[in-house]
Amino acid sequence: MLENAYQTSKAKITSMDIKYIICFAADLDTKDISLIFNIEPASVNTVRYRIKKKFAEEDAFRMVF
């Protein structure tokens, strides 16, 4: 389902967006994601907000966030 959403998305998807979306879909904790990417937990929340804003009109991404 996510693969179809990526292909039909109007917004540009970067490789980092895909990595974060996979982590969000896997329902990882913010702390776990921050350890994986070696960033602050607040940065994970910022990335989640920006991705959510980027894909606001896409129905397939609503289940991830």
PDB file of N, CA and C in Angstrom:
ATOM      1  N   MET A   1       0.827  -1.198   0.000  1.00  0.00           N
ATOM      2  CA  MET A   1       0.000   0.000   0.000  1.00  0.00           C
ATOM      3  C   MET A   1       0.871   1.261   0.000  1.00  0.00           C
ATOM      4  N   LEU A   2       1.910   1.265   0.815  1.00  0.00           N
ATOM      5  CA  LEU A   2       2.792   2.431   0.849  1.00  0.00           C
ATOM      6  C   LEU A   2       3.550   2.593  -0.457  1.00  0.00           C
ATOM      7  N   GLU A   3       3.896   1.469  -1.088  1.00  0.00           N
ATOM      8  CA  GLU A   3       4.627   1.543  -2.345  1.00  0.00           C
ATOM      9  C   GLU A   3       3.800   2.234  -3.422  1.00  0.00           C
ATOM     10  N   ASN A   4       2.511   1.923  -3.484  1.00  0.00           N
ATOM     11  CA  ASN A   4       1.626   2.595  -4.443  1.00  0.00           C
ATOM     12  C   ASN A   4       1.506   4.076  -4.127  1.00  0.00           C
ATOM     13  N   ALA A   5       1.476   4.409  -2.860  1.00  0.00           N
ATOM     14  CA  ALA A   5       1.378   5.810  -2.463  1.00  0.00           C
ATOM     15  C   ALA A   5       2.629   6.574  -2.861  1.00  0.00           C
ATOM     16  N   TYR A   6       3.794   5.938  -2.743  1.00  0.00           N
ATOM     17  CA  TYR A   6       5.034   6.583  -3.151  1.00  0.00           C
ATOM     18  C   TYR A   6       5.018   6.887  -4.638  1.00  0.00           C
ATOM     19  N   GLN A   7       4.546   5.932  -5.419  1.00  0.00           N
ATOM     20  CA  GLN A   7       4.573   6.074  -6.867  1.00  0.00           C
ATOM     21  C   GLN A   7       3.571   7.105  -7.361  1.00  0.00           C
ATOM     22  N   THR A   8       2.449   7.250  -6.675  1.00  0.00           N
ATOM     23  CA  THR A   8       1.417   8.176  -7.121  1.00  0.00           C
ATOM     24  C   THR A   8       1.476   9.527  -6.421  1.00  0.00           C
ATOM     25  N   SER A   9       2.419   9.687  -5.498  1.00  0.00           N
ATOM     26  CA  SER A   9       2.507  10.923  -4.732  1.00  0.00           C
ATOM     27  C   SER A   9       2.948  12.085  -5.619  1.00  0.00           C
ATOM     28  N   LYS A  10       2.335  13.241  -5.392  1.00  0.00           N
ATOM     29  CA  LYS A  10       2.700  14.450  -6.115  1.00  0.00           C
ATOM     30  C   LYS A  10       3.902  15.140  -5.489  1.00  0.00           C
ATOM     31  N   ALA A  11       4.099  14.940  -4.191  1.00  0.00           N
ATOM     32  CA  ALA A  11       5.219  15.559  -3.483  1.00  0.00           C
ATOM     33  C   ALA A  11       6.494  14.772  -3.749  1.00  0.00           C
ATOM     34  N   LYS A  12       7.609  15.460  -3.693  1.00  0.00           N
ATOM     35  CA  LYS A  12       8.896  14.808  -3.890  1.00  0.00           C
ATOM     36  C   LYS A  12       9.259  14.028  -2.631  1.00  0.00           C
ATOM     37  N   ILE A  13       9.600  12.780  -2.828  1.00  0.00           N
ATOM     38  CA  ILE A  13       9.972  11.922  -1.716  1.00  0.00           C
ATOM     39  C   ILE A  13      11.471  11.683  -1.778  1.00  0.00           C
ATOM     40  N   THR A  14      12.162  12.047  -0.713  1.00  0.00           N
ATOM     41  CA  THR A  14      13.599  11.819  -0.653  1.00  0.00           C
ATOM     42  C   THR A  14      13.859  10.445  -0.037  1.00  0.00           C
ATOM     43  N   SER A  15      15.071   9.998  -0.139  1.00  0.00           N
ATOM     44  CA  SER A  15      15.419   8.706   0.451  1.00  0.00           C
ATOM     45  C   SER A  15      15.304   8.750   1.975  1.00  0.00           C
ATOM     46  N   MET A  16      15.612   9.881   2.564  1.00  0.00           N
ATOM     47  CA  MET A  16      15.472  10.006   4.022  1.00  0.00           C
ATOM     48  C   MET A  16      14.007   9.992   4.434  1.00  0.00           C
ATOM     49  N   ASP A  17      13.126  10.601   3.609  1.00  0.00           N
ATOM     50  CA  ASP A  17      11.694  10.540   3.892  1.00  0.00           C
ATOM     51  C   ASP A  17      11.227   9.098   3.939  1.00  0.00           C
ATOM     52  N   ILE A  18      11.692   8.302   2.998  1.00  0.00           N
ATOM     53  CA  ILE A  18      11.299   6.895   2.944  1.00  0.00           C
ATOM     54  C   ILE A  18      11.781   6.160   4.191  1.00  0.00           C
ATOM     55  N   LYS A  19      12.995   6.434   4.618  1.00  0.00           N
ATOM     56  CA  LYS A  19      13.535   5.779   5.814  1.00  0.00           C
ATOM     57  C   LYS A  19      12.721   6.141   7.054  1.00  0.00           C
ATOM     58  N   TYR A  20      12.382   7.413   7.172  1.00  0.00           N
ATOM     59  CA  TYR A  20      11.571   7.839   8.318  1.00  0.00           C
ATOM     60  C   TYR A  20      10.169   7.254   8.251  1.00  0.00           C
ATOM     61  N   ILE A  21       9.567   7.235   7.084  1.00  0.00           N
ATOM     62  CA  ILE A  21       8.217   6.692   6.949  1.00  0.00           C
ATOM     63  C   ILE A  21       8.197   5.212   7.308  1.00  0.00           C
ATOM     64  N   ILE A  22       9.233   4.484   6.936  1.00  0.00           N
ATOM     65  CA  ILE A  22       9.316   3.072   7.307  1.00  0.00           C
ATOM     66  C   ILE A  22       9.399   2.927   8.823  1.00  0.00           C
ATOM     67  N   CYS A  23      10.180   3.782   9.460  1.00  0.00           N
ATOM     68  CA  CYS A  23      10.268   3.745  10.923  1.00  0.00           C
ATOM     69  C   CYS A  23       8.933   4.094  11.577  1.00  0.00           C
ATOM     70  N   PHE A  24       8.242   5.087  11.027  1.00  0.00           N
ATOM     71  CA  PHE A  24       6.941   5.462  11.572  1.00  0.00           C
ATOM     72  C   PHE A  24       5.923   4.347  11.362  1.00  0.00           C
ATOM     73  N   ALA A  25       5.972   3.696  10.207  1.00  0.00           N
ATOM     74  CA  ALA A  25       5.043   2.604   9.916  1.00  0.00           C
ATOM     75  C   ALA A  25       5.323   1.398  10.802  1.00  0.00           C
ATOM     76  N   ALA A  26       6.589   1.202  11.162  1.00  0.00           N
ATOM     77  CA  ALA A  26       6.954   0.103  12.054  1.00  0.00           C
ATOM     78  C   ALA A  26       6.601   0.420  13.502  1.00  0.00           C
ATOM     79  N   ASP A  27       6.082   1.605  13.731  1.00  0.00           N
ATOM     80  CA  ASP A  27       5.632   2.051  15.059  1.00  0.00           C
ATOM     81  C   ASP A  27       6.776   2.076  16.070  1.00  0.00           C
ATOM     82  N   LEU A  28       7.935   2.552  15.605  1.00  0.00           N
ATOM     83  CA  LEU A  28       9.076   2.707  16.506  1.00  0.00           C
ATOM     84  C   LEU A  28       8.890   3.949  17.366  1.00  0.00           C
ATOM     85  N   ASP A  29       9.453   3.890  18.545  1.00  0.00           N
ATOM     86  CA  ASP A  29       9.422   5.018  19.470  1.00  0.00           C
ATOM     87  C   ASP A  29      10.298   6.155  18.952  1.00  0.00           C
ATOM     88  N   THR A  30      10.005   7.367  19.358  1.00  0.00           N
ATOM     89  CA  THR A  30      10.801   8.516  18.955  1.00  0.00           C
ATOM     90  C   THR A  30      12.250   8.359  19.412  1.00  0.00           C
ATOM     91  N   LYS A  31      12.430   7.828  20.609  1.00  0.00           N
ATOM     92  CA  LYS A  31      13.792   7.608  21.121  1.00  0.00           C
ATOM     93  C   LYS A  31      14.539   6.586  20.281  1.00  0.00           C
ATOM     94  N   ASP A  32      13.851   5.534  19.873  1.00  0.00           N
ATOM     95  CA  ASP A  32      14.491   4.507  19.045  1.00  0.00           C
ATOM     96  C   ASP A  32      14.903   5.059  17.688  1.00  0.00           C
ATOM     97  N   ILE A  33      14.034   5.842  17.084  1.00  0.00           N
ATOM     98  CA  ILE A  33      14.345   6.446  15.786  1.00  0.00           C
ATOM     99  C   ILE A  33      15.519   7.407  15.929  1.00  0.00           C
ATOM    100  N   SER A  34      15.546   8.159  17.013  1.00  0.00           N
ATOM    101  CA  SER A  34      16.656   9.101  17.206  1.00  0.00           C
ATOM    102  C   SER A  34      17.980   8.362  17.389  1.00  0.00           C
ATOM    103  N   LEU A  35      17.949   7.201  18.015  1.00  0.00           N
ATOM    104  CA  LEU A  35      19.171   6.408  18.151  1.00  0.00           C
ATOM    105  C   LEU A  35      19.612   5.828  16.809  1.00  0.00           C
ATOM    106  N   ILE A  36      18.666   5.422  15.992  1.00  0.00           N
ATOM    107  CA  ILE A  36      18.997   4.855  14.678  1.00  0.00           C
ATOM    108  C   ILE A  36      19.688   5.896  13.806  1.00  0.00           C
ATOM    109  N   PHE A  37      19.132   7.105  13.775  1.00  0.00           N
ATOM    110  CA  PHE A  37      19.658   8.149  12.896  1.00  0.00           C
ATOM    111  C   PHE A  37      20.659   9.068  13.588  1.00  0.00           C
ATOM    112  N   ASN A  38      20.930   8.808  14.873  1.00  0.00           N
ATOM    113  CA  ASN A  38      21.900   9.578  15.646  1.00  0.00           C
ATOM    114  C   ASN A  38      21.554  11.073  15.665  1.00  0.00           C
ATOM    115  N   ILE A  39      20.288  11.353  16.000  1.00  0.00           N
ATOM    116  CA  ILE A  39      19.807  12.730  16.093  1.00  0.00           C
ATOM    117  C   ILE A  39      19.044  12.886  17.409  1.00  0.00           C
ATOM    118  N   GLU A  40      18.662  14.098  17.713  1.00  0.00           N
ATOM    119  CA  GLU A  40      17.887  14.383  18.913  1.00  0.00           C
ATOM    120  C   GLU A  40      16.433  13.928  18.718  1.00  0.00           C
ATOM    121  N   PRO A  41      15.759  13.509  19.790  1.00  0.00           N
ATOM    122  CA  PRO A  41      14.353  13.119  19.675  1.00  0.00           C
ATOM    123  C   PRO A  41      13.449  14.254  19.174  1.00  0.00           C
ATOM    124  N   ALA A  42      13.796  15.483  19.493  1.00  0.00           N
ATOM    125  CA  ALA A  42      13.009  16.620  19.005  1.00  0.00           C
ATOM    126  C   ALA A  42      13.097  16.728  17.483  1.00  0.00           C
ATOM    127  N   SER A  43      14.230  16.336  16.929  1.00  0.00           N
ATOM    128  CA  SER A  43      14.387  16.370  15.476  1.00  0.00           C
ATOM    129  C   SER A  43      13.481  15.348  14.799  1.00  0.00           C
ATOM    130  N   VAL A  44      13.265  14.220  15.451  1.00  0.00           N
ATOM    131  CA  VAL A  44      12.352  13.212  14.906  1.00  0.00           C
ATOM    132  C   VAL A  44      10.942  13.776  14.836  1.00  0.00           C
ATOM    133  N   ASN A  45      10.553  14.493  15.870  1.00  0.00           N
ATOM    134  CA  ASN A  45       9.218  15.106  15.863  1.00  0.00           C
ATOM    135  C   ASN A  45       9.104  16.154  14.761  1.00  0.00           C
ATOM    136  N   THR A  46      10.164  16.896  14.527  1.00  0.00           N
ATOM    137  CA  THR A  46      10.170  17.888  13.456  1.00  0.00           C
ATOM    138  C   THR A  46      10.042  17.220  12.092  1.00  0.00           C
ATOM    139  N   VAL A  47      10.780  16.131  11.893  1.00  0.00           N
ATOM    140  CA  VAL A  47      10.704  15.402  10.622  1.00  0.00           C
ATOM    141  C   VAL A  47       9.302  14.830  10.427  1.00  0.00           C
ATOM    142  N   ARG A  48       8.719  14.282  11.496  1.00  0.00           N
ATOM    143  CA  ARG A  48       7.362  13.726  11.417  1.00  0.00           C
ATOM    144  C   ARG A  48       6.372  14.819  11.004  1.00  0.00           C
ATOM    145  N   TYR A  49       6.502  16.003  11.589  1.00  0.00           N
ATOM    146  CA  TYR A  49       5.623  17.115  11.253  1.00  0.00           C
ATOM    147  C   TYR A  49       5.776  17.528   9.791  1.00  0.00           C
ATOM    148  N   ARG A  50       7.016  17.635   9.329  1.00  0.00           N
ATOM    149  CA  ARG A  50       7.259  18.065   7.942  1.00  0.00           C
ATOM    150  C   ARG A  50       6.759  17.037   6.934  1.00  0.00           C
ATOM    151  N   ILE A  51       6.954  15.764   7.229  1.00  0.00           N
ATOM    152  CA  ILE A  51       6.460  14.725   6.323  1.00  0.00           C
ATOM    153  C   ILE A  51       4.940  14.702   6.324  1.00  0.00           C
ATOM    154  N   LYS A  52       4.358  14.858   7.503  1.00  0.00           N
ATOM    155  CA  LYS A  52       2.900  14.885   7.597  1.00  0.00           C
ATOM    156  C   LYS A  52       2.336  16.051   6.800  1.00  0.00           C
ATOM    157  N   LYS A  53       2.988  17.191   6.868  1.00  0.00           N
ATOM    158  CA  LYS A  53       2.564  18.371   6.125  1.00  0.00           C
ATOM    159  C   LYS A  53       2.728  18.156   4.619  1.00  0.00           C
ATOM    160  N   LYS A  54       3.813  17.502   4.236  1.00  0.00           N
ATOM    161  CA  LYS A  54       4.097  17.261   2.825  1.00  0.00           C
ATOM    162  C   LYS A  54       3.049  16.337   2.190  1.00  0.00           C
ATOM    163  N   PHE A  55       2.571  15.357   2.955  1.00  0.00           N
ATOM    164  CA  PHE A  55       1.638  14.373   2.430  1.00  0.00           C
ATOM    165  C   PHE A  55       0.242  14.515   3.035  1.00  0.00           C
ATOM    166  N   ALA A  56      -0.163  15.725   3.315  1.00  0.00           N
ATOM    167  CA  ALA A  56      -1.453  15.956   3.963  1.00  0.00           C
ATOM    168  C   ALA A  56      -2.627  15.461   3.134  1.00  0.00           C
ATOM    169  N   GLU A  57      -2.535  15.543   1.814  1.00  0.00           N
ATOM    170  CA  GLU A  57      -3.656  15.152   0.970  1.00  0.00           C
ATOM    171  C   GLU A  57      -3.652  13.673   0.603  1.00  0.00           C
ATOM    172  N   GLU A  58      -2.571  12.959   0.905  1.00  0.00           N
ATOM    173  CA  GLU A  58      -2.460  11.547   0.546  1.00  0.00           C
ATOM    174  C   GLU A  58      -3.147  10.689   1.608  1.00  0.00           C
ATOM    175  N   ASP A  59      -4.136   9.911   1.204  1.00  0.00           N
ATOM    176  CA  ASP A  59      -4.857   9.068   2.152  1.00  0.00           C
ATOM    177  C   ASP A  59      -4.009   7.909   2.674  1.00  0.00           C
ATOM    178  N   ALA A  60      -3.115   7.398   1.853  1.00  0.00           N
ATOM    179  CA  ALA A  60      -2.327   6.225   2.241  1.00  0.00           C
ATOM    180  C   ALA A  60      -1.394   6.527   3.405  1.00  0.00           C
ATOM    181  N   PHE A  61      -0.985   7.759   3.564  1.00  0.00           N
ATOM    182  CA  PHE A  61      -0.049   8.102   4.629  1.00  0.00           C
ATOM    183  C   PHE A  61      -0.745   8.419   5.939  1.00  0.00           C
ATOM    184  N   ARG A  62      -2.038   8.524   5.950  1.00  0.00           N
ATOM    185  CA  ARG A  62      -2.751   8.848   7.187  1.00  0.00           C
ATOM    186  C   ARG A  62      -2.604   7.744   8.229  1.00  0.00           C
ATOM    187  N   MET A  63      -2.507   6.503   7.782  1.00  0.00           N
ATOM    188  CA  MET A  63      -2.367   5.396   8.734  1.00  0.00           C
ATOM    189  C   MET A  63      -0.991   5.377   9.398  1.00  0.00           C
ATOM    190  N   VAL A  64       0.011   5.963   8.725  1.00  0.00           N
ATOM    191  CA  VAL A  64       1.373   5.922   9.243  1.00  0.00           C
ATOM    192  C   VAL A  64       1.571   6.929  10.373  1.00  0.00           C
ATOM    193  N   PHE A  65       0.953   8.090  10.260  1.00  0.00           N
ATOM    194  CA  PHE A  65       1.212   9.148  11.237  1.00  0.00           C
ATOM    195  C   PHE A  65       0.198   9.133  12.315  1.00  0.00           C
TER     196      PHE A  65
END
